[in-house]
Amino acid sequence: MIYILEETISQDIIDACGAGALANILSIVKTILNIIQIVGPILAIVSLIISFTRLMANPDEKKYKAGLKNSIIALVLLFFIPFLVNLTMSLVDGSFDLATCWNHAEEVATIGEESNYVDIHPEDEPKPIITESDLEIKITEDDDEELTGESEADKVIFVGDSRTVGMHTAVGNQDGDVWSAKGSQGYAWMESTGIPAIESEITDGSAVVILLGVNDLGNVNSYISYLNTHAPSWKAKGAKVYFVSVNPTANGASVTNAQIESFNTKIRNATQTIVSYIDTYSYLQENGYDTPDGVHYTADTYKKIYNYIKSHV
C-alpha cells in the first residue's frame, strides 16, 4: 500500500510570503548564507594558516599580527552570522511576516513551482481554497455511517486533494485501497507527483479513481487532455479509470456550485469514451451532506462518498 497524506503548508504562511514571490528571494538569500557558512570559514582558516606561518617567520612584523587577528575575527563572523540570523528568525516566527516567510521559504518556493492554482475570479488574488487546518474541524466529529461499499476491483487507487485526505481520515486503511493525496492541490500536482507516485500500482484488476478539481476549476481542459492521453495506457494494463465529480460546496464558499456543475459537465462530456464518471455530486445533492466549513465534509458524509465510489468501481 502507498499512503501519501502530506500536510501542506498553511495559507497564512503562503500569504506572509506574498504568494511565493518573497519566498523565492529569501530562499536564494538563505542558500547564499549557507554557502558562506561553509566556504567562508574554510577561506578564513586558509588565511589564518598563511598569517600564522608568516608571523612565525617574522615574529616582530606587526602587519602579520594584524592579519592573524583579522583572520580569527573573519572565521568567527563567517561561521556564526548565518547561525545567528536563522536563530533570530526562529525566535520571532509568527510575530513578523518576514520571519515567518524566512523559516518556510524553501517550502513555499517549492509549492510555487509545483502548484498551478487558476483564479476563477480574475479580479482577486488567486489562492487555494483548501487548507489542512480545516481538516481538524471534521475528523473529531462523531459519526454513525458504516462502511458498506464493496468494489469489484482488486485494488482501488485514490488520487486527490484534501477532501480525499479527509475521506481517508474518516474511513481509515481499507484492504485493497491505495491513497495518493495532498491538501490544496490540483492538476499540476496530479501530473508531477500524484499520479507518478502510484503509477506502479496501476495493474490488471485495479481501479484508478481521481478526485480533483475543486482547487483549480479553471484547469478543466488540462484535466481533460491528461485523462484522454493517459487513461488508454492504464486501461491497456487491465485497469479501469474513473473521474469522481467535484462535490458541492455550501455556506458561501468561494467556489460556487454553478461553477462546479460547469466543470463536471465538461469533464463528463469530453472524457466519456475513455473514463467512467462517478456522479457523487448529484448523489450528495439528492441525499444531503454535512459540511463544517462549506468545502470539507464530516466523517459521515465522507463515508457516504466512499461507499458510493466503492460500489461503482
C-alpha atoms as a PDB file:
ATOM      1  CA  MET A   1       0.000   0.000   0.000  1.00  0.00           C
ATOM      2  CA  ILE A   2       1.070   3.592  -0.608  1.00  0.00           C
ATOM      3  CA  TYR A   3      -0.202   6.350   1.630  1.00  0.00           C
ATOM      4  CA  ILE A   4       0.910   9.825   0.650  1.00  0.00           C
ATOM      5  CA  LEU A   5      -1.012  12.004   3.070  1.00  0.00           C
ATOM      6  CA  GLU A   6       1.245  15.000   3.435  1.00  0.00           C
ATOM      7  CA  GLU A   7       0.443  18.073   5.484  1.00  0.00           C
ATOM      8  CA  THR A   8       0.512  21.118   3.293  1.00  0.00           C
ATOM      9  CA  ILE A   9       1.846  24.486   4.374  1.00  0.00           C
ATOM     10  CA  SER A  10      -0.807  26.790   5.848  1.00  0.00           C
ATOM     11  CA  GLN A  11      -2.346  29.628   3.864  1.00  0.00           C
ATOM     12  CA  ASP A  12      -1.118  32.152   6.484  1.00  0.00           C
ATOM     13  CA  ILE A  13       2.471  31.226   5.678  1.00  0.00           C
ATOM     14  CA  ILE A  14       1.834  31.477   1.941  1.00  0.00           C
ATOM     15  CA  ASP A  15       0.264  34.914   2.473  1.00  0.00           C
ATOM     16  CA  ALA A  16       3.252  36.031   4.564  1.00  0.00           C
ATOM     17  CA  CYS A  17       5.477  35.177   1.606  1.00  0.00           C
ATOM     18  CA  GLY A  18       3.403  37.194  -0.826  1.00  0.00           C
ATOM     19  CA  ALA A  19       2.048  34.059  -2.527  1.00  0.00           C
ATOM     20  CA  GLY A  20       5.626  32.884  -3.122  1.00  0.00           C
ATOM     21  CA  ALA A  21       7.391  35.950  -4.532  1.00  0.00           C
ATOM     22  CA  LEU A  22       9.201  36.823  -1.284  1.00  0.00           C
ATOM     23  CA  ALA A  23       9.875  33.143  -0.608  1.00  0.00           C
ATOM     24  CA  ASN A  24      11.854  32.806  -3.834  1.00  0.00           C
ATOM     25  CA  ILE A  25      14.075  35.744  -2.884  1.00  0.00           C
ATOM     26  CA  LEU A  26      14.606  34.595   0.700  1.00  0.00           C
ATOM     27  CA  SER A  27      15.299  31.048  -0.453  1.00  0.00           C
ATOM     28  CA  ILE A  28      18.159  32.377  -2.610  1.00  0.00           C
ATOM     29  CA  VAL A  29      19.469  34.508   0.264  1.00  0.00           C
ATOM     30  CA  LYS A  30      19.400  31.511   2.611  1.00  0.00           C
ATOM     31  CA  THR A  31      21.275  29.432   0.050  1.00  0.00           C
ATOM     32  CA  ILE A  32      23.940  32.124  -0.226  1.00  0.00           C
ATOM     33  CA  LEU A  33      24.259  32.319   3.571  1.00  0.00           C
ATOM     34  CA  ASN A  34      24.591  28.538   3.769  1.00  0.00           C
ATOM     35  CA  ILE A  35      27.380  28.646   1.205  1.00  0.00           C
ATOM     36  CA  ILE A  36      29.087  31.439   3.113  1.00  0.00           C
ATOM     37  CA  GLN A  37      28.806  29.468   6.352  1.00  0.00           C
ATOM     38  CA  ILE A  38      30.645  26.558   4.736  1.00  0.00           C
ATOM     39  CA  VAL A  39      33.080  28.214   2.314  1.00  0.00           C
ATOM     40  CA  GLY A  40      33.801  31.338   4.376  1.00  0.00           C
ATOM     41  CA  PRO A  41      35.363  29.591   7.369  1.00  0.00           C
ATOM     42  CA  ILE A  42      37.465  27.429   5.046  1.00  0.00           C
ATOM     43  CA  LEU A  43      38.902  30.522   3.372  1.00  0.00           C
ATOM     44  CA  ALA A  44      39.354  32.178   6.777  1.00  0.00           C
ATOM     45  CA  ILE A  45      41.244  29.127   8.050  1.00  0.00           C
ATOM     46  CA  VAL A  46      43.495  29.177   4.973  1.00  0.00           C
ATOM     47  CA  SER A  47      44.155  32.875   5.589  1.00  0.00           C
ATOM     48  CA  LEU A  48      44.766  32.135   9.277  1.00  0.00           C
ATOM     49  CA  ILE A  49      47.366  29.485   8.431  1.00  0.00           C
ATOM     50  CA  ILE A  50      49.132  31.808   5.999  1.00  0.00           C
ATOM     51  CA  SER A  51      49.187  34.667   8.513  1.00  0.00           C
ATOM     52  CA  PHE A  52      50.408  32.352  11.271  1.00  0.00           C
ATOM     53  CA  THR A  53      53.167  30.951   9.057  1.00  0.00           C
ATOM     54  CA  ARG A  54      54.343  34.431   8.125  1.00  0.00           C
ATOM     55  CA  LEU A  55      54.224  35.528  11.761  1.00  0.00           C
ATOM     56  CA  MET A  56      56.326  32.553  12.815  1.00  0.00           C
ATOM     57  CA  ALA A  57      58.898  33.546  10.210  1.00  0.00           C
ATOM     58  CA  ASN A  58      58.799  37.219  11.241  1.00  0.00           C
ATOM     59  CA  PRO A  59      57.591  37.443  14.892  1.00  0.00           C
ATOM     60  CA  ASP A  60      58.116  41.201  15.087  1.00  0.00           C
ATOM     61  CA  GLU A  61      56.185  42.085  11.932  1.00  0.00           C
ATOM     62  CA  LYS A  62      53.041  43.963  13.062  1.00  0.00           C
ATOM     63  CA  LYS A  63      51.092  43.502   9.834  1.00  0.00           C
ATOM     64  CA  TYR A  64      51.284  39.711  10.225  1.00  0.00           C
ATOM     65  CA  LYS A  65      49.923  40.020  13.755  1.00  0.00           C
ATOM     66  CA  ALA A  66      47.075  42.176  12.443  1.00  0.00           C
ATOM     67  CA  GLY A  67      46.436  39.669   9.655  1.00  0.00           C
ATOM     68  CA  LEU A  68      46.271  36.831  12.164  1.00  0.00           C
ATOM     69  CA  LYS A  69      43.784  38.766  14.287  1.00  0.00           C
ATOM     70  CA  ASN A  70      41.622  39.660  11.273  1.00  0.00           C
ATOM     71  CA  SER A  71      41.563  36.031  10.125  1.00  0.00           C
ATOM     72  CA  ILE A  72      40.332  34.875  13.526  1.00  0.00           C
ATOM     73  CA  ILE A  73      37.586  37.542  13.552  1.00  0.00           C
ATOM     74  CA  ALA A  74      36.556  36.609   9.992  1.00  0.00           C
ATOM     75  CA  LEU A  75      36.433  32.935  10.913  1.00  0.00           C
ATOM     76  CA  VAL A  76      34.083  33.581  13.822  1.00  0.00           C
ATOM     77  CA  LEU A  77      31.845  36.007  11.945  1.00  0.00           C
ATOM     78  CA  LEU A  78      31.515  33.889   8.797  1.00  0.00           C
ATOM     79  CA  PHE A  79      30.529  30.847  10.811  1.00  0.00           C
ATOM     80  CA  PHE A  80      28.215  32.393  13.366  1.00  0.00           C
ATOM     81  CA  ILE A  81      26.384  35.175  11.455  1.00  0.00           C
ATOM     82  CA  PRO A  82      24.231  32.766   9.345  1.00  0.00           C
ATOM     83  CA  PHE A  83      23.543  30.758  12.509  1.00  0.00           C
ATOM     84  CA  LEU A  84      22.508  33.879  14.440  1.00  0.00           C
ATOM     85  CA  VAL A  85      20.272  35.077  11.601  1.00  0.00           C
ATOM     86  CA  ASN A  86      18.436  31.736  11.479  1.00  0.00           C
ATOM     87  CA  LEU A  87      18.167  31.651  15.279  1.00  0.00           C
ATOM     88  CA  THR A  88      16.728  35.173  15.407  1.00  0.00           C
ATOM     89  CA  MET A  89      14.176  34.416  12.695  1.00  0.00           C
ATOM     90  CA  SER A  90      13.105  31.260  14.525  1.00  0.00           C
ATOM     91  CA  LEU A  91      12.588  33.147  17.787  1.00  0.00           C
ATOM     92  CA  VAL A  92      10.364  35.821  16.209  1.00  0.00           C
ATOM     93  CA  ASP A  93       8.491  33.467  13.867  1.00  0.00           C
ATOM     94  CA  GLY A  94       4.793  34.280  13.990  1.00  0.00           C
ATOM     95  CA  SER A  95       5.386  37.864  15.060  1.00  0.00           C
ATOM     96  CA  PHE A  96       6.690  39.171  11.740  1.00  0.00           C
ATOM     97  CA  ASP A  97       5.780  38.108   8.219  1.00  0.00           C
ATOM     98  CA  LEU A  98       9.418  38.358   7.146  1.00  0.00           C
ATOM     99  CA  ALA A  99      10.492  35.911   9.860  1.00  0.00           C
ATOM    100  CA  THR A 100       7.627  33.530   9.063  1.00  0.00           C
ATOM    101  CA  CYS A 101       8.471  33.523   5.381  1.00  0.00           C
ATOM    102  CA  TRP A 102      12.202  33.174   6.132  1.00  0.00           C
ATOM    103  CA  ASN A 103      11.632  29.984   8.114  1.00  0.00           C
ATOM    104  CA  HIS A 104       9.422  28.421   5.419  1.00  0.00           C
ATOM    105  CA  ALA A 105      10.939  29.956   2.283  1.00  0.00           C
ATOM    106  CA  GLU A 106      12.056  26.696   0.685  1.00  0.00           C
ATOM    107  CA  GLU A 107       8.667  25.009   1.273  1.00  0.00           C
ATOM    108  CA  VAL A 108       6.669  27.911  -0.163  1.00  0.00           C
ATOM    109  CA  ALA A 109       9.049  28.270  -3.106  1.00  0.00           C
ATOM    110  CA  THR A 110       8.593  24.553  -3.865  1.00  0.00           C
ATOM    111  CA  ILE A 111       4.803  24.880  -3.662  1.00  0.00           C
ATOM    112  CA  GLY A 112       5.022  27.757  -6.074  1.00  0.00           C
ATOM    113  CA  GLU A 113       6.888  25.570  -8.557  1.00  0.00           C
ATOM    114  CA  GLU A 114       4.667  22.513  -8.235  1.00  0.00           C
ATOM    115  CA  SER A 115       1.223  24.081  -7.930  1.00  0.00           C
ATOM    116  CA  ASN A 116      -0.902  25.797 -10.543  1.00  0.00           C
ATOM    117  CA  TYR A 117      -3.879  27.461  -8.931  1.00  0.00           C
ATOM    118  CA  VAL A 118      -6.078  29.133 -11.529  1.00  0.00           C
ATOM    119  CA  ASP A 119      -8.037  32.138 -10.290  1.00  0.00           C
ATOM    120  CA  ILE A 120     -11.674  31.818 -11.319  1.00  0.00           C
ATOM    121  CA  HIS A 121     -12.172  35.427 -10.208  1.00  0.00           C
ATOM    122  CA  PRO A 122      -9.519  37.343 -12.197  1.00  0.00           C
ATOM    123  CA  GLU A 123     -10.013  40.477 -10.113  1.00  0.00           C
ATOM    124  CA  ASP A 124      -8.923  38.644  -6.934  1.00  0.00           C
ATOM    125  CA  GLU A 125      -5.541  37.296  -5.924  1.00  0.00           C
ATOM    126  CA  PRO A 126      -5.507  33.551  -6.724  1.00  0.00           C
ATOM    127  CA  LYS A 127      -5.486  31.391  -3.612  1.00  0.00           C
ATOM    128  CA  PRO A 128      -6.223  27.714  -2.976  1.00  0.00           C
ATOM    129  CA  ILE A 129      -9.471  27.282  -1.065  1.00  0.00           C
ATOM    130  CA  ILE A 130      -8.420  24.161   0.800  1.00  0.00           C
ATOM    131  CA  THR A 131      -6.024  24.102   3.727  1.00  0.00           C
ATOM    132  CA  GLU A 132      -5.040  21.288   6.041  1.00  0.00           C
ATOM    133  CA  SER A 133      -6.066  23.289   9.103  1.00  0.00           C
ATOM    134  CA  ASP A 134      -9.673  22.932   8.005  1.00  0.00           C
ATOM    135  CA  LEU A 135      -9.385  19.166   8.352  1.00  0.00           C
ATOM    136  CA  GLU A 136      -9.235  19.496  12.126  1.00  0.00           C
ATOM    137  CA  ILE A 137     -12.893  20.549  12.097  1.00  0.00           C
ATOM    138  CA  LYS A 138     -14.259  17.299  10.780  1.00  0.00           C
ATOM    139  CA  ILE A 139     -12.012  14.492  11.935  1.00  0.00           C
ATOM    140  CA  THR A 140     -13.066  14.941  15.573  1.00  0.00           C
ATOM    141  CA  GLU A 141     -16.788  14.633  14.863  1.00  0.00           C
ATOM    142  CA  ASP A 142     -18.779  11.580  15.906  1.00  0.00           C
ATOM    143  CA  ASP A 143     -20.272   9.563  13.073  1.00  0.00           C
ATOM    144  CA  ASP A 144     -22.732   6.725  12.625  1.00  0.00           C
ATOM    145  CA  GLU A 145     -22.260   5.888   8.950  1.00  0.00           C
ATOM    146  CA  GLU A 146     -20.951   2.368   8.327  1.00  0.00           C
ATOM    147  CA  LEU A 147     -18.595   1.308   5.563  1.00  0.00           C
ATOM    148  CA  THR A 148     -20.728  -0.776   3.238  1.00  0.00           C
ATOM    149  CA  GLY A 149     -19.332  -0.075  -0.230  1.00  0.00           C
ATOM    150  CA  GLU A 150     -17.848  -3.107  -1.957  1.00  0.00           C
ATOM    151  CA  SER A 151     -15.757  -2.901  -5.089  1.00  0.00           C
ATOM    152  CA  GLU A 152     -15.266  -5.419  -7.866  1.00  0.00           C
ATOM    153  CA  ALA A 153     -11.739  -4.115  -8.347  1.00  0.00           C
ATOM    154  CA  ASP A 154      -8.812  -5.914  -6.743  1.00  0.00           C
ATOM    155  CA  LYS A 155      -7.311  -2.580  -5.742  1.00  0.00           C
ATOM    156  CA  VAL A 156      -8.768   0.942  -5.681  1.00  0.00           C
ATOM    157  CA  ILE A 157      -6.273   3.776  -6.139  1.00  0.00           C
ATOM    158  CA  PHE A 158      -7.473   7.170  -4.891  1.00  0.00           C
ATOM    159  CA  VAL A 159      -5.739  10.330  -6.151  1.00  0.00           C
ATOM    160  CA  GLY A 160      -6.975  13.636  -4.763  1.00  0.00           C
ATOM    161  CA  ASP A 161      -6.724  16.794  -2.671  1.00  0.00           C
ATOM    162  CA  SER A 162      -7.535  17.474   0.992  1.00  0.00           C
ATOM    163  CA  ARG A 163     -11.096  16.271   0.525  1.00  0.00           C
ATOM    164  CA  THR A 164      -9.513  12.927  -0.280  1.00  0.00           C
ATOM    165  CA  VAL A 165      -7.195  13.267   2.711  1.00  0.00           C
ATOM    166  CA  GLY A 166     -10.315  13.839   4.804  1.00  0.00           C
ATOM    167  CA  MET A 167     -12.025  10.796   3.338  1.00  0.00           C
ATOM    168  CA  HIS A 168      -9.027   8.635   4.197  1.00  0.00           C
ATOM    169  CA  THR A 169      -9.097  10.043   7.728  1.00  0.00           C
ATOM    170  CA  ALA A 170     -12.749   9.064   8.008  1.00  0.00           C
ATOM    171  CA  VAL A 171     -12.537   5.551   6.563  1.00  0.00           C
ATOM    172  CA  GLY A 172      -9.050   4.507   7.644  1.00  0.00           C
ATOM    173  CA  ASN A 173      -6.891   1.953   5.849  1.00  0.00           C
ATOM    174  CA  GLN A 174      -9.124  -0.474   3.999  1.00  0.00           C
ATOM    175  CA  ASP A 175      -7.873  -3.577   2.208  1.00  0.00           C
ATOM    176  CA  GLY A 176      -7.274  -3.017  -1.465  1.00  0.00           C
ATOM    177  CA  ASP A 177      -7.033   0.784  -1.196  1.00  0.00           C
ATOM    178  CA  VAL A 178      -4.052   2.884  -2.217  1.00  0.00           C
ATOM    179  CA  TRP A 179      -4.025   6.624  -1.489  1.00  0.00           C
ATOM    180  CA  SER A 180      -2.076   9.478  -3.067  1.00  0.00           C
ATOM    181  CA  ALA A 181      -3.471  12.730  -1.697  1.00  0.00           C
ATOM    182  CA  LYS A 182      -2.356  16.151  -0.551  1.00  0.00           C
ATOM    183  CA  GLY A 183      -4.196  19.292   0.528  1.00  0.00           C
ATOM    184  CA  SER A 184      -4.528  22.398  -1.659  1.00  0.00           C
ATOM    185  CA  GLN A 185      -3.557  20.572  -4.838  1.00  0.00           C
ATOM    186  CA  GLY A 186      -4.850  20.387  -8.378  1.00  0.00           C
ATOM    187  CA  TYR A 187      -3.814  19.478 -11.900  1.00  0.00           C
ATOM    188  CA  ALA A 188      -0.111  20.423 -11.656  1.00  0.00           C
ATOM    189  CA  TRP A 189       0.413  18.272  -8.552  1.00  0.00           C
ATOM    190  CA  MET A 190      -1.535  15.375 -10.066  1.00  0.00           C
ATOM    191  CA  GLU A 191       0.664  15.421 -13.161  1.00  0.00           C
ATOM    192  CA  SER A 192       4.010  15.953 -11.409  1.00  0.00           C
ATOM    193  CA  THR A 193       3.540  13.971  -8.191  1.00  0.00           C
ATOM    194  CA  GLY A 194       0.120  12.456  -7.516  1.00  0.00           C
ATOM    195  CA  ILE A 195      -0.061  10.066 -10.457  1.00  0.00           C
ATOM    196  CA  PRO A 196       3.679   9.259 -10.731  1.00  0.00           C
ATOM    197  CA  ALA A 197       3.631   8.184  -7.067  1.00  0.00           C
ATOM    198  CA  ILE A 198       1.124   5.427  -7.784  1.00  0.00           C
ATOM    199  CA  GLU A 199       1.997   4.609 -11.406  1.00  0.00           C
ATOM    200  CA  SER A 200       3.498   1.249 -10.450  1.00  0.00           C
ATOM    201  CA  GLU A 201       0.278   0.348  -8.605  1.00  0.00           C
ATOM    202  CA  ILE A 202      -1.786   0.593 -11.799  1.00  0.00           C
ATOM    203  CA  THR A 203      -2.054  -3.080 -12.732  1.00  0.00           C
ATOM    204  CA  ASP A 204      -4.554  -5.558 -14.088  1.00  0.00           C
ATOM    205  CA  GLY A 205      -7.709  -5.520 -11.960  1.00  0.00           C
ATOM    206  CA  SER A 206      -7.025  -2.149 -10.341  1.00  0.00           C
ATOM    207  CA  ALA A 207      -9.253   0.931 -10.434  1.00  0.00           C
ATOM    208  CA  VAL A 208      -7.785   4.442 -10.704  1.00  0.00           C
ATOM    209  CA  VAL A 209     -10.122   6.963  -9.032  1.00  0.00           C
ATOM    210  CA  ILE A 210      -9.309  10.662  -9.460  1.00  0.00           C
ATOM    211  CA  LEU A 211     -10.915  13.225  -7.143  1.00  0.00           C
ATOM    212  CA  LEU A 212      -9.509  16.636  -8.044  1.00  0.00           C
ATOM    213  CA  GLY A 213     -10.639  19.963  -9.464  1.00  0.00           C
ATOM    214  CA  VAL A 214     -12.179  21.999  -6.642  1.00  0.00           C
ATOM    215  CA  ASN A 215      -8.937  23.977  -6.215  1.00  0.00           C
ATOM    216  CA  ASP A 216      -8.457  24.738  -9.898  1.00  0.00           C
ATOM    217  CA  LEU A 217     -11.731  24.583 -11.799  1.00  0.00           C
ATOM    218  CA  GLY A 218     -10.168  26.750 -14.488  1.00  0.00           C
ATOM    219  CA  ASN A 219      -7.847  23.863 -15.417  1.00  0.00           C
ATOM    220  CA  VAL A 220     -10.686  21.734 -16.774  1.00  0.00           C
ATOM    221  CA  ASN A 221      -9.143  21.485 -20.254  1.00  0.00           C
ATOM    222  CA  SER A 222      -5.838  20.310 -18.781  1.00  0.00           C
ATOM    223  CA  TYR A 223      -7.629  17.558 -16.852  1.00  0.00           C
ATOM    224  CA  ILE A 224      -9.489  16.508 -19.996  1.00  0.00           C
ATOM    225  CA  SER A 225      -6.321  16.400 -22.090  1.00  0.00           C
ATOM    226  CA  TYR A 226      -4.425  14.454 -19.423  1.00  0.00           C
ATOM    227  CA  LEU A 227      -7.154  11.871 -18.954  1.00  0.00           C
ATOM    228  CA  ASN A 228      -7.672  11.326 -22.672  1.00  0.00           C
ATOM    229  CA  THR A 229      -3.917  10.935 -23.134  1.00  0.00           C
ATOM    230  CA  HIS A 230      -3.039   8.689 -20.177  1.00  0.00           C
ATOM    231  CA  ALA A 231      -6.166   6.694 -19.400  1.00  0.00           C
ATOM    232  CA  PRO A 232      -5.836   4.472 -22.514  1.00  0.00           C
ATOM    233  CA  SER A 233      -2.399   3.232 -21.367  1.00  0.00           C
ATOM    234  CA  TRP A 234      -3.763   2.458 -17.886  1.00  0.00           C
ATOM    235  CA  LYS A 235      -6.676   0.585 -19.392  1.00  0.00           C
ATOM    236  CA  ALA A 236      -4.251  -1.339 -21.607  1.00  0.00           C
ATOM    237  CA  LYS A 237      -2.705  -2.670 -18.387  1.00  0.00           C
ATOM    238  CA  GLY A 238      -6.098  -4.019 -17.357  1.00  0.00           C
ATOM    239  CA  ALA A 239      -7.073  -1.157 -15.048  1.00  0.00           C
ATOM    240  CA  LYS A 240     -10.315   0.776 -15.027  1.00  0.00           C
ATOM    241  CA  VAL A 241     -10.245   4.574 -14.790  1.00  0.00           C
ATOM    242  CA  TYR A 242     -12.779   6.801 -13.036  1.00  0.00           C
ATOM    243  CA  PHE A 243     -13.154  10.526 -12.503  1.00  0.00           C
ATOM    244  CA  VAL A 244     -15.271  11.467  -9.498  1.00  0.00           C
ATOM    245  CA  SER A 245     -17.326  14.625  -9.870  1.00  0.00           C
ATOM    246  CA  VAL A 246     -16.215  17.660  -7.901  1.00  0.00           C
ATOM    247  CA  ASN A 247     -18.631  17.642  -4.982  1.00  0.00           C
ATOM    248  CA  PRO A 248     -20.818  20.566  -3.871  1.00  0.00           C
ATOM    249  CA  THR A 249     -19.890  23.465  -1.628  1.00  0.00           C
ATOM    250  CA  ALA A 250     -22.059  25.463   0.770  1.00  0.00           C
ATOM    251  CA  ASN A 251     -22.111  28.353   3.250  1.00  0.00           C
ATOM    252  CA  GLY A 252     -20.738  30.953   0.865  1.00  0.00           C
ATOM    253  CA  ALA A 253     -17.613  29.071  -0.238  1.00  0.00           C
ATOM    254  CA  SER A 254     -15.508  30.939  -2.783  1.00  0.00           C
ATOM    255  CA  VAL A 255     -16.267  28.288  -5.407  1.00  0.00           C
ATOM    256  CA  THR A 256     -19.950  28.092  -6.300  1.00  0.00           C
ATOM    257  CA  ASN A 257     -21.947  25.032  -7.240  1.00  0.00           C
ATOM    258  CA  ALA A 258     -22.739  26.613 -10.612  1.00  0.00           C
ATOM    259  CA  GLN A 259     -19.007  26.704 -11.386  1.00  0.00           C
ATOM    260  CA  ILE A 260     -18.615  23.136 -10.138  1.00  0.00           C
ATOM    261  CA  GLU A 261     -21.515  21.923 -12.288  1.00  0.00           C
ATOM    262  CA  SER A 262     -19.934  23.545 -15.360  1.00  0.00           C
ATOM    263  CA  PHE A 263     -16.618  21.804 -14.627  1.00  0.00           C
ATOM    264  CA  ASN A 264     -18.313  18.448 -14.068  1.00  0.00           C
ATOM    265  CA  THR A 265     -20.308  18.684 -17.278  1.00  0.00           C
ATOM    266  CA  LYS A 266     -17.214  19.470 -19.348  1.00  0.00           C
ATOM    267  CA  ILE A 267     -15.228  16.613 -17.799  1.00  0.00           C
ATOM    268  CA  ARG A 268     -18.049  14.135 -18.251  1.00  0.00           C
ATOM    269  CA  ASN A 269     -18.772  15.036 -21.880  1.00  0.00           C
ATOM    270  CA  ALA A 270     -15.157  15.264 -23.016  1.00  0.00           C
ATOM    271  CA  THR A 271     -13.840  12.044 -21.436  1.00  0.00           C
ATOM    272  CA  GLN A 272     -16.842   9.702 -21.539  1.00  0.00           C
ATOM    273  CA  THR A 273     -15.399   7.425 -24.234  1.00  0.00           C
ATOM    274  CA  ILE A 274     -12.230   6.845 -22.173  1.00  0.00           C
ATOM    275  CA  VAL A 275     -13.071   7.395 -18.499  1.00  0.00           C
ATOM    276  CA  SER A 276     -16.039   6.318 -16.382  1.00  0.00           C
ATOM    277  CA  TYR A 277     -17.686   9.166 -14.487  1.00  0.00           C
ATOM    278  CA  ILE A 278     -18.924   8.773 -10.899  1.00  0.00           C
ATOM    279  CA  ASP A 279     -21.554  11.401 -10.111  1.00  0.00           C
ATOM    280  CA  THR A 280     -21.235  11.832  -6.359  1.00  0.00           C
ATOM    281  CA  TYR A 281     -22.248  15.477  -6.806  1.00  0.00           C
ATOM    282  CA  SER A 282     -25.835  14.558  -7.713  1.00  0.00           C
ATOM    283  CA  TYR A 283     -25.848  11.829  -5.075  1.00  0.00           C
ATOM    284  CA  LEU A 284     -24.986  14.319  -2.332  1.00  0.00           C
ATOM    285  CA  GLN A 285     -27.416  16.926  -3.602  1.00  0.00           C
ATOM    286  CA  GLU A 286     -30.219  14.371  -3.547  1.00  0.00           C
ATOM    287  CA  ASN A 287     -29.331  12.632  -0.273  1.00  0.00           C
ATOM    288  CA  GLY A 288     -27.872  15.507   1.708  1.00  0.00           C
ATOM    289  CA  TYR A 289     -24.429  16.211   3.124  1.00  0.00           C
ATOM    290  CA  ASP A 290     -22.851  17.965   6.094  1.00  0.00           C
ATOM    291  CA  THR A 291     -20.006  20.443   5.832  1.00  0.00           C
ATOM    292  CA  PRO A 292     -18.442  22.371   8.719  1.00  0.00           C
ATOM    293  CA  ASP A 293     -16.779  24.998   6.545  1.00  0.00           C
ATOM    294  CA  GLY A 294     -18.594  24.914   3.194  1.00  0.00           C
ATOM    295  CA  VAL A 295     -15.831  22.940   1.473  1.00  0.00           C
ATOM    296  CA  HIS A 296     -14.898  19.895   3.538  1.00  0.00           C
ATOM    297  CA  TYR A 297     -17.259  17.305   4.980  1.00  0.00           C
ATOM    298  CA  THR A 298     -17.992  15.491   8.198  1.00  0.00           C
ATOM    299  CA  ALA A 299     -16.892  11.896   8.725  1.00  0.00           C
ATOM    300  CA  ASP A 300     -20.428  10.657   7.992  1.00  0.00           C
ATOM    301  CA  THR A 301     -20.512  12.416   4.630  1.00  0.00           C
ATOM    302  CA  TYR A 302     -17.024  11.223   3.705  1.00  0.00           C
ATOM    303  CA  LYS A 303     -18.104   7.652   4.406  1.00  0.00           C
ATOM    304  CA  LYS A 304     -21.169   8.120   2.191  1.00  0.00           C
ATOM    305  CA  ILE A 305     -18.938   9.342  -0.631  1.00  0.00           C
ATOM    306  CA  TYR A 306     -16.521   6.455  -0.093  1.00  0.00           C
ATOM    307  CA  ASN A 307     -19.323   3.864  -0.066  1.00  0.00           C
ATOM    308  CA  TYR A 308     -20.805   5.318  -3.243  1.00  0.00           C
ATOM    309  CA  ILE A 309     -17.468   5.283  -5.046  1.00  0.00           C
ATOM    310  CA  LYS A 310     -16.593   1.749  -3.941  1.00  0.00           C
ATOM    311  CA  SER A 311     -19.974   0.455  -5.112  1.00  0.00           C
ATOM    312  CA  HIS A 312     -19.365   1.919  -8.577  1.00  0.00           C
ATOM    313  CA  VAL A 313     -15.840   0.663  -9.282  1.00  0.00           C
END
